[in-house]
Amino acid sequence: MYVNHLPRHRLDDALASLIAVREAGLEPVPHLSARRVESRQELDAFLARAASAAQVRKVLLIGGDEARPLGPFADAAALLREGLLEGNGIREIGIAGYPEGHPRIPAAILERAFQDKLALANARGLGAFIVTQFSFAPARVVEYCTGLSRRAPGVPLYVGLVGPTSAATLLRFAQRCGVSASLRALRAQGFGAAQLVTHTDPGAQLAALARYCGAHASCNVVGAHLFSFGGAAGAAEWMNRYISLHSRR
């Protein structure tokens, strides 16, 4: 279970949630938003506490959306170079993937940064996995997975899926997270806000992803990442129902 590093929140604000996740028998994975880290000392202290109190061994490393860094790290690679992750017991890092591209970063720069982070993780003895942004365009997701199997063979990939939520919440997060291309495509097909949730039911997307991986031996996909948009209980209920239904088949 992933724990966000939100704007205007210090890293230590996540500690209680990380501990609660571990006590619930799940593995806590904190987001580390490089541009929101105020100092090297803040990061070092947080990682030490997270490792000791919540047995954190994985982090999702992202750049963050701050216009200017709040501290010494301009991007995720700069944080990775510090050596604080492996020095505090971190064994794996998650790297963000963008099936529809990034709303503010050109594709060539995004790809170069991705390859740099993979190389840095390998040089520091860290495992790496990829977690993608959610998308409403299955064809783009499949295209991304296909390309990744060539560019980064063997790197585990978790595909982001839209969790159960209201249409208003879904649209708000979609616009904020840079998947407007999906929204425009759906609207061009005549899908309104109310239909959007049904059209992007996570079960249907998950089944499509499973069919793709079943037909391609080189598929990197090892799981799905469900974006709950603040509705963790609803997302957990949906997952339990889905697992229960398909385990009986």
C-alpha atoms as a PDB file:
ATOM      1  CA  MET A   1       0.000   0.000   0.000  1.00  0.00           C
ATOM      2  CA  TYR A   2       1.399   3.364  -1.088  1.00  0.00           C
ATOM      3  CA  VAL A   3       1.395   6.426   1.167  1.00  0.00           C
ATOM      4  CA  ASN A   4       1.440   9.835  -0.527  1.00  0.00           C
ATOM      5  CA  HIS A   5       3.904  12.683  -0.019  1.00  0.00           C
ATOM      6  CA  LEU A   6       1.440  15.537  -0.503  1.00  0.00           C
ATOM      7  CA  PRO A   7       2.122  19.237  -1.105  1.00  0.00           C
ATOM      8  CA  ARG A   8       2.634  21.234   2.102  1.00  0.00           C
ATOM      9  CA  HIS A   9       3.200  17.989   4.046  1.00  0.00           C
ATOM     10  CA  ARG A  10       6.501  17.066   5.632  1.00  0.00           C
ATOM     11  CA  LEU A  11       7.838  13.556   5.199  1.00  0.00           C
ATOM     12  CA  ASP A  12       7.283  12.743   8.862  1.00  0.00           C
ATOM     13  CA  ASP A  13       3.539  13.294   8.395  1.00  0.00           C
ATOM     14  CA  ALA A  14       3.455   9.924   6.624  1.00  0.00           C
ATOM     15  CA  LEU A  15       4.976   7.918   9.476  1.00  0.00           C
ATOM     16  CA  ALA A  16       1.723   7.154  11.317  1.00  0.00           C
ATOM     17  CA  SER A  17       0.136   5.855   8.108  1.00  0.00           C
ATOM     18  CA  LEU A  18       3.178   3.739   7.262  1.00  0.00           C
ATOM     19  CA  ILE A  19       3.132   2.157  10.708  1.00  0.00           C
ATOM     20  CA  ALA A  20      -0.631   1.507  10.483  1.00  0.00           C
ATOM     21  CA  VAL A  21      -0.216  -0.180   7.102  1.00  0.00           C
ATOM     22  CA  ARG A  22       2.523  -2.448   8.456  1.00  0.00           C
ATOM     23  CA  GLU A  23       0.453  -3.294  11.550  1.00  0.00           C
ATOM     24  CA  ALA A  24      -2.439  -4.251   9.253  1.00  0.00           C
ATOM     25  CA  GLY A  25      -0.192  -6.893   7.681  1.00  0.00           C
ATOM     26  CA  LEU A  26       0.463  -5.000   4.449  1.00  0.00           C
ATOM     27  CA  GLU A  27       3.705  -3.638   3.015  1.00  0.00           C
ATOM     28  CA  PRO A  28       3.983   0.156   3.263  1.00  0.00           C
ATOM     29  CA  VAL A  29       5.599   1.986   0.343  1.00  0.00           C
ATOM     30  CA  PRO A  30       6.049   5.739   0.866  1.00  0.00           C
ATOM     31  CA  HIS A  31       6.135   8.218  -1.982  1.00  0.00           C
ATOM     32  CA  LEU A  32       9.314  10.304  -1.984  1.00  0.00           C
ATOM     33  CA  SER A  33       8.704  13.522  -3.883  1.00  0.00           C
ATOM     34  CA  ALA A  34      12.235  14.825  -4.454  1.00  0.00           C
ATOM     35  CA  ARG A  35      11.372  18.481  -5.013  1.00  0.00           C
ATOM     36  CA  ARG A  36       9.325  18.589  -1.784  1.00  0.00           C
ATOM     37  CA  VAL A  37      12.167  17.381   0.454  1.00  0.00           C
ATOM     38  CA  GLU A  38      13.427  20.398   2.389  1.00  0.00           C
ATOM     39  CA  SER A  39      16.828  19.053   3.412  1.00  0.00           C
ATOM     40  CA  ARG A  40      19.136  16.079   3.307  1.00  0.00           C
ATOM     41  CA  GLN A  41      18.768  15.792   7.093  1.00  0.00           C
ATOM     42  CA  GLU A  42      14.960  15.608   6.815  1.00  0.00           C
ATOM     43  CA  LEU A  43      15.191  12.762   4.304  1.00  0.00           C
ATOM     44  CA  ASP A  44      17.815  10.837   6.287  1.00  0.00           C
ATOM     45  CA  ALA A  45      15.828  11.074   9.532  1.00  0.00           C
ATOM     46  CA  PHE A  46      12.569  10.062   7.841  1.00  0.00           C
ATOM     47  CA  LEU A  47      14.068   7.026   6.141  1.00  0.00           C
ATOM     48  CA  ALA A  48      15.670   5.869   9.386  1.00  0.00           C
ATOM     49  CA  ARG A  49      12.356   6.167  11.262  1.00  0.00           C
ATOM     50  CA  ALA A  50      10.370   4.538   8.454  1.00  0.00           C
ATOM     51  CA  ALA A  51      12.792   1.603   8.347  1.00  0.00           C
ATOM     52  CA  SER A  52      12.797   1.045  12.106  1.00  0.00           C
ATOM     53  CA  ALA A  53       9.128   1.721  12.905  1.00  0.00           C
ATOM     54  CA  ALA A  54       7.410   0.388   9.761  1.00  0.00           C
ATOM     55  CA  GLN A  55      10.082  -1.871   8.217  1.00  0.00           C
ATOM     56  CA  VAL A  56       9.957   0.129   4.993  1.00  0.00           C
ATOM     57  CA  ARG A  57      12.111  -1.479   2.296  1.00  0.00           C
ATOM     58  CA  LYS A  58      10.603   0.029  -0.863  1.00  0.00           C
ATOM     59  CA  VAL A  59       9.866   3.607  -1.936  1.00  0.00           C
ATOM     60  CA  LEU A  60       8.178   5.174  -4.948  1.00  0.00           C
ATOM     61  CA  LEU A  61      10.590   7.858  -6.110  1.00  0.00           C
ATOM     62  CA  ILE A  62       9.086  10.775  -8.047  1.00  0.00           C
ATOM     63  CA  GLY A  63      10.212  14.276  -8.934  1.00  0.00           C
ATOM     64  CA  GLY A  64       7.187  16.149  -7.624  1.00  0.00           C
ATOM     65  CA  ASP A  65       5.228  19.037  -9.098  1.00  0.00           C
ATOM     66  CA  GLU A  66       6.756  21.958  -7.228  1.00  0.00           C
ATOM     67  CA  ALA A  67       7.724  24.802  -9.582  1.00  0.00           C
ATOM     68  CA  ARG A  68      10.946  25.196  -7.596  1.00  0.00           C
ATOM     69  CA  PRO A  69      12.622  22.610  -5.345  1.00  0.00           C
ATOM     70  CA  LEU A  70      12.035  23.254  -1.648  1.00  0.00           C
ATOM     71  CA  GLY A  71      15.455  21.823  -0.853  1.00  0.00           C
ATOM     72  CA  PRO A  72      18.580  20.343  -2.445  1.00  0.00           C
ATOM     73  CA  PHE A  73      16.967  17.834  -4.841  1.00  0.00           C
ATOM     74  CA  ALA A  74      15.991  19.104  -8.271  1.00  0.00           C
ATOM     75  CA  ASP A  75      14.657  15.718  -9.385  1.00  0.00           C
ATOM     76  CA  ALA A  76      14.389  12.055  -8.440  1.00  0.00           C
ATOM     77  CA  ALA A  77      17.818  11.197  -9.877  1.00  0.00           C
ATOM     78  CA  ALA A  78      19.489  13.813  -7.673  1.00  0.00           C
ATOM     79  CA  LEU A  79      17.925  12.229  -4.592  1.00  0.00           C
ATOM     80  CA  LEU A  80      18.940   8.765  -5.755  1.00  0.00           C
ATOM     81  CA  ARG A  81      22.575   9.858  -6.127  1.00  0.00           C
ATOM     82  CA  GLU A  82      22.783  10.853  -2.451  1.00  0.00           C
ATOM     83  CA  GLY A  83      23.039   7.256  -1.271  1.00  0.00           C
ATOM     84  CA  LEU A  84      20.576   7.803   1.577  1.00  0.00           C
ATOM     85  CA  LEU A  85      18.128   5.189   0.321  1.00  0.00           C
ATOM     86  CA  GLU A  86      20.401   2.144   0.482  1.00  0.00           C
ATOM     87  CA  GLY A  87      22.074   3.626   3.559  1.00  0.00           C
ATOM     88  CA  ASN A  88      18.759   3.343   5.406  1.00  0.00           C
ATOM     89  CA  GLY A  89      17.816  -0.160   4.332  1.00  0.00           C
ATOM     90  CA  ILE A  90      15.844   0.590   1.177  1.00  0.00           C
ATOM     91  CA  ARG A  91      16.147  -2.318  -1.232  1.00  0.00           C
ATOM     92  CA  GLU A  92      13.891  -1.347  -4.147  1.00  0.00           C
ATOM     93  CA  ILE A  93      12.712   1.851  -5.784  1.00  0.00           C
ATOM     94  CA  GLY A  94       9.606   2.447  -7.828  1.00  0.00           C
ATOM     95  CA  ILE A  95       9.952   4.625 -10.931  1.00  0.00           C
ATOM     96  CA  ALA A  96       6.975   6.416 -12.450  1.00  0.00           C
ATOM     97  CA  GLY A  97       5.857   5.473 -15.960  1.00  0.00           C
ATOM     98  CA  TYR A  98       3.635   7.602 -18.192  1.00  0.00           C
ATOM     99  CA  PRO A  99       1.665   5.785 -20.909  1.00  0.00           C
ATOM    100  CA  GLU A 100       0.284   9.141 -22.117  1.00  0.00           C
ATOM    101  CA  GLY A 101       3.443  11.137 -21.536  1.00  0.00           C
ATOM    102  CA  HIS A 102       3.976  13.823 -18.911  1.00  0.00           C
ATOM    103  CA  PRO A 103       1.984  17.071 -19.073  1.00  0.00           C
ATOM    104  CA  ARG A 104       5.090  19.227 -18.584  1.00  0.00           C
ATOM    105  CA  ILE A 105       8.098  17.117 -19.618  1.00  0.00           C
ATOM    106  CA  PRO A 106       8.947  16.360 -23.277  1.00  0.00           C
ATOM    107  CA  ALA A 107       9.047  12.685 -24.211  1.00  0.00           C
ATOM    108  CA  ALA A 108      12.787  12.630 -24.986  1.00  0.00           C
ATOM    109  CA  ILE A 109      13.711  14.145 -21.627  1.00  0.00           C
ATOM    110  CA  LEU A 110      11.316  11.808 -19.829  1.00  0.00           C
ATOM    111  CA  GLU A 111      12.879   8.764 -21.495  1.00  0.00           C
ATOM    112  CA  ARG A 112      16.429   9.914 -20.716  1.00  0.00           C
ATOM    113  CA  ALA A 113      15.524  10.475 -17.056  1.00  0.00           C
ATOM    114  CA  PHE A 114      13.908   7.036 -16.911  1.00  0.00           C
ATOM    115  CA  GLN A 115      17.029   5.326 -18.248  1.00  0.00           C
ATOM    116  CA  ASP A 116      19.256   7.369 -15.908  1.00  0.00           C
ATOM    117  CA  LYS A 117      17.265   6.238 -12.878  1.00  0.00           C
ATOM    118  CA  LEU A 118      17.432   2.598 -13.929  1.00  0.00           C
ATOM    119  CA  ALA A 119      21.202   2.886 -14.346  1.00  0.00           C
ATOM    120  CA  LEU A 120      21.640   4.667 -11.003  1.00  0.00           C
ATOM    121  CA  ALA A 121      19.533   2.078  -9.181  1.00  0.00           C
ATOM    122  CA  ASN A 122      21.600  -0.732 -10.687  1.00  0.00           C
ATOM    123  CA  ALA A 123      24.886   0.996  -9.794  1.00  0.00           C
ATOM    124  CA  ARG A 124      23.752   1.361  -6.174  1.00  0.00           C
ATOM    125  CA  GLY A 125      22.552  -2.200  -5.824  1.00  0.00           C
ATOM    126  CA  LEU A 126      18.885  -1.251  -5.708  1.00  0.00           C
ATOM    127  CA  GLY A 127      16.122  -3.203  -7.383  1.00  0.00           C
ATOM    128  CA  ALA A 128      13.762  -1.197  -9.568  1.00  0.00           C
ATOM    129  CA  PHE A 129      10.144  -1.538 -10.598  1.00  0.00           C
ATOM    130  CA  ILE A 130       7.799   0.711 -12.573  1.00  0.00           C
ATOM    131  CA  VAL A 131       4.395   2.052 -11.561  1.00  0.00           C
ATOM    132  CA  THR A 132       2.436   3.757 -14.323  1.00  0.00           C
ATOM    133  CA  GLN A 133       0.105   6.709 -14.219  1.00  0.00           C
ATOM    134  CA  PHE A 134      -3.520   5.682 -14.766  1.00  0.00           C
ATOM    135  CA  SER A 135      -5.035   5.979 -18.228  1.00  0.00           C
ATOM    136  CA  PHE A 136      -8.441   5.704 -19.857  1.00  0.00           C
ATOM    137  CA  ALA A 137      -6.905   4.574 -23.158  1.00  0.00           C
ATOM    138  CA  PRO A 138      -6.205   0.810 -23.126  1.00  0.00           C
ATOM    139  CA  ALA A 139      -4.461   1.000 -26.515  1.00  0.00           C
ATOM    140  CA  ARG A 140      -1.917   3.471 -25.115  1.00  0.00           C
ATOM    141  CA  VAL A 141      -1.300   1.265 -22.086  1.00  0.00           C
ATOM    142  CA  VAL A 142      -0.687  -1.773 -24.289  1.00  0.00           C
ATOM    143  CA  GLU A 143       1.614   0.277 -26.529  1.00  0.00           C
ATOM    144  CA  TYR A 144       3.539   1.464 -23.460  1.00  0.00           C
ATOM    145  CA  CYS A 145       3.876  -2.087 -22.109  1.00  0.00           C
ATOM    146  CA  THR A 146       5.105  -3.322 -25.487  1.00  0.00           C
ATOM    147  CA  GLY A 147       7.706  -0.570 -25.732  1.00  0.00           C
ATOM    148  CA  LEU A 148       8.864  -1.121 -22.177  1.00  0.00           C
ATOM    149  CA  SER A 149       9.422  -4.827 -22.770  1.00  0.00           C
ATOM    150  CA  ARG A 150      11.991  -3.782 -25.400  1.00  0.00           C
ATOM    151  CA  ARG A 151      13.574  -0.826 -23.546  1.00  0.00           C
ATOM    152  CA  ALA A 152      13.709  -2.362 -20.073  1.00  0.00           C
ATOM    153  CA  PRO A 153      13.266  -6.132 -20.380  1.00  0.00           C
ATOM    154  CA  GLY A 154      12.741  -7.874 -17.088  1.00  0.00           C
ATOM    155  CA  VAL A 155      11.969  -4.744 -15.055  1.00  0.00           C
ATOM    156  CA  PRO A 156       8.717  -5.438 -13.147  1.00  0.00           C
ATOM    157  CA  LEU A 157       5.793  -3.251 -14.214  1.00  0.00           C
ATOM    158  CA  TYR A 158       2.662  -2.369 -12.235  1.00  0.00           C
ATOM    159  CA  VAL A 159      -0.021  -0.819 -14.433  1.00  0.00           C
ATOM    160  CA  GLY A 160      -2.055   1.988 -12.892  1.00  0.00           C
ATOM    161  CA  LEU A 161      -5.820   1.444 -12.910  1.00  0.00           C
ATOM    162  CA  VAL A 162      -8.633   3.788 -11.920  1.00  0.00           C
ATOM    163  CA  GLY A 163     -10.254   2.634  -8.692  1.00  0.00           C
ATOM    164  CA  PRO A 164     -13.947   2.961  -7.827  1.00  0.00           C
ATOM    165  CA  THR A 165     -14.822   6.640  -7.382  1.00  0.00           C
ATOM    166  CA  SER A 166     -17.341   9.300  -8.316  1.00  0.00           C
ATOM    167  CA  ALA A 167     -17.348  10.834 -11.788  1.00  0.00           C
ATOM    168  CA  ALA A 168     -16.554  14.295 -10.384  1.00  0.00           C
ATOM    169  CA  THR A 169     -13.529  13.012  -8.440  1.00  0.00           C
ATOM    170  CA  LEU A 170     -12.340  11.010 -11.412  1.00  0.00           C
ATOM    171  CA  LEU A 171     -12.455  13.977 -13.765  1.00  0.00           C
ATOM    172  CA  ARG A 172     -10.694  16.236 -11.271  1.00  0.00           C
ATOM    173  CA  PHE A 173      -7.798  13.833 -10.761  1.00  0.00           C
ATOM    174  CA  ALA A 174      -7.552  13.064 -14.486  1.00  0.00           C
ATOM    175  CA  GLN A 175      -7.105  16.735 -15.326  1.00  0.00           C
ATOM    176  CA  ARG A 176      -4.585  17.165 -12.505  1.00  0.00           C
ATOM    177  CA  CYS A 177      -2.564  14.068 -13.409  1.00  0.00           C
ATOM    178  CA  GLY A 178      -2.092  14.780 -17.104  1.00  0.00           C
ATOM    179  CA  VAL A 179      -4.314  12.169 -18.746  1.00  0.00           C
ATOM    180  CA  SER A 180      -6.371  14.718 -20.660  1.00  0.00           C
ATOM    181  CA  ALA A 181      -5.698  12.896 -23.938  1.00  0.00           C
ATOM    182  CA  SER A 182      -7.776   9.994 -22.619  1.00  0.00           C
ATOM    183  CA  LEU A 183     -10.557  12.341 -21.581  1.00  0.00           C
ATOM    184  CA  ARG A 184     -10.648  14.040 -24.971  1.00  0.00           C
ATOM    185  CA  ALA A 185     -10.767  10.690 -26.747  1.00  0.00           C
ATOM    186  CA  LEU A 186     -13.629   9.447 -24.615  1.00  0.00           C
ATOM    187  CA  ARG A 187     -15.603  12.660 -25.027  1.00  0.00           C
ATOM    188  CA  ALA A 188     -15.104  12.490 -28.791  1.00  0.00           C
ATOM    189  CA  GLN A 189     -16.755   9.069 -28.656  1.00  0.00           C
ATOM    190  CA  GLY A 190     -19.734  10.600 -26.844  1.00  0.00           C
ATOM    191  CA  PHE A 191     -18.939   9.478 -23.313  1.00  0.00           C
ATOM    192  CA  GLY A 192     -20.193  11.862 -20.645  1.00  0.00           C
ATOM    193  CA  ALA A 193     -18.994  12.115 -17.050  1.00  0.00           C
ATOM    194  CA  ALA A 194     -21.541   9.624 -15.745  1.00  0.00           C
ATOM    195  CA  GLN A 195     -20.588   7.041 -18.391  1.00  0.00           C
ATOM    196  CA  LEU A 196     -16.875   7.533 -17.805  1.00  0.00           C
ATOM    197  CA  VAL A 197     -16.803   5.539 -14.564  1.00  0.00           C
ATOM    198  CA  THR A 198     -18.576   2.559 -16.139  1.00  0.00           C
ATOM    199  CA  HIS A 199     -16.414   2.702 -19.247  1.00  0.00           C
ATOM    200  CA  THR A 200     -13.255   2.601 -17.153  1.00  0.00           C
ATOM    201  CA  ASP A 201     -14.354  -0.061 -14.674  1.00  0.00           C
ATOM    202  CA  PRO A 202     -11.095  -1.438 -13.242  1.00  0.00           C
ATOM    203  CA  GLY A 203     -12.269  -5.013 -13.741  1.00  0.00           C
ATOM    204  CA  ALA A 204     -12.623  -4.528 -17.484  1.00  0.00           C
ATOM    205  CA  GLN A 205      -9.205  -2.882 -17.751  1.00  0.00           C
ATOM    206  CA  LEU A 206      -7.618  -5.582 -15.630  1.00  0.00           C
ATOM    207  CA  ALA A 207      -9.102  -8.316 -17.821  1.00  0.00           C
ATOM    208  CA  ALA A 208      -7.828  -6.565 -20.981  1.00  0.00           C
ATOM    209  CA  LEU A 209      -4.363  -6.318 -19.470  1.00  0.00           C
ATOM    210  CA  ALA A 210      -4.408 -10.000 -18.537  1.00  0.00           C
ATOM    211  CA  ARG A 211      -5.365 -10.948 -22.100  1.00  0.00           C
ATOM    212  CA  TYR A 212      -2.497  -8.871 -23.475  1.00  0.00           C
ATOM    213  CA  CYS A 213       0.060 -10.454 -21.113  1.00  0.00           C
ATOM    214  CA  GLY A 214      -1.280 -13.925 -21.828  1.00  0.00           C
ATOM    215  CA  ALA A 215      -0.539 -13.401 -25.506  1.00  0.00           C
ATOM    216  CA  HIS A 216       2.957 -11.879 -25.085  1.00  0.00           C
ATOM    217  CA  ALA A 217       5.676 -13.851 -23.332  1.00  0.00           C
ATOM    218  CA  SER A 218       7.878 -10.743 -23.064  1.00  0.00           C
ATOM    219  CA  CYS A 219       5.250  -8.815 -21.043  1.00  0.00           C
ATOM    220  CA  ASN A 220       6.825  -7.100 -17.998  1.00  0.00           C
ATOM    221  CA  VAL A 221       3.532  -6.676 -16.130  1.00  0.00           C
ATOM    222  CA  VAL A 222       3.543  -8.313 -12.697  1.00  0.00           C
ATOM    223  CA  GLY A 223       0.549  -6.546 -11.159  1.00  0.00           C
ATOM    224  CA  ALA A 224      -1.782  -3.577 -11.048  1.00  0.00           C
ATOM    225  CA  HIS A 225      -1.632  -0.385  -9.012  1.00  0.00           C
ATOM    226  CA  LEU A 226      -5.122   0.789  -8.038  1.00  0.00           C
ATOM    227  CA  PHE A 227      -5.500   4.540  -7.653  1.00  0.00           C
ATOM    228  CA  SER A 228      -8.049   5.004  -4.853  1.00  0.00           C
ATOM    229  CA  PHE A 229      -8.273   8.839  -5.027  1.00  0.00           C
ATOM    230  CA  GLY A 230      -8.674   8.971  -1.263  1.00  0.00           C
ATOM    231  CA  GLY A 231     -11.210   6.119  -1.180  1.00  0.00           C
ATOM    232  CA  ALA A 232      -8.985   3.361   0.169  1.00  0.00           C
ATOM    233  CA  ALA A 233     -11.841   1.445   1.812  1.00  0.00           C
ATOM    234  CA  GLY A 234     -13.865   1.352  -1.404  1.00  0.00           C
ATOM    235  CA  ALA A 235     -10.839   0.256  -3.402  1.00  0.00           C
ATOM    236  CA  ALA A 236     -10.103  -2.541  -0.909  1.00  0.00           C
ATOM    237  CA  GLU A 237     -13.726  -3.716  -1.022  1.00  0.00           C
ATOM    238  CA  TRP A 238     -13.629  -3.814  -4.822  1.00  0.00           C
ATOM    239  CA  MET A 239     -10.370  -5.790  -4.813  1.00  0.00           C
ATOM    240  CA  ASN A 240     -11.702  -8.324  -2.329  1.00  0.00           C
ATOM    241  CA  ARG A 241     -14.904  -8.817  -4.352  1.00  0.00           C
ATOM    242  CA  TYR A 242     -12.946  -9.189  -7.599  1.00  0.00           C
ATOM    243  CA  ILE A 243     -10.475 -11.667  -6.120  1.00  0.00           C
ATOM    244  CA  SER A 244     -13.247 -13.667  -4.482  1.00  0.00           C
ATOM    245  CA  LEU A 245     -15.284 -13.813  -7.682  1.00  0.00           C
ATOM    246  CA  HIS A 246     -12.433 -14.952  -9.910  1.00  0.00           C
ATOM    247  CA  SER A 247     -10.892 -17.373  -7.419  1.00  0.00           C
ATOM    248  CA  ARG A 248     -14.097 -19.432  -7.630  1.00  0.00           C
ATOM    249  CA  ARG A 249     -13.892 -19.775 -11.421  1.00  0.00           C
END
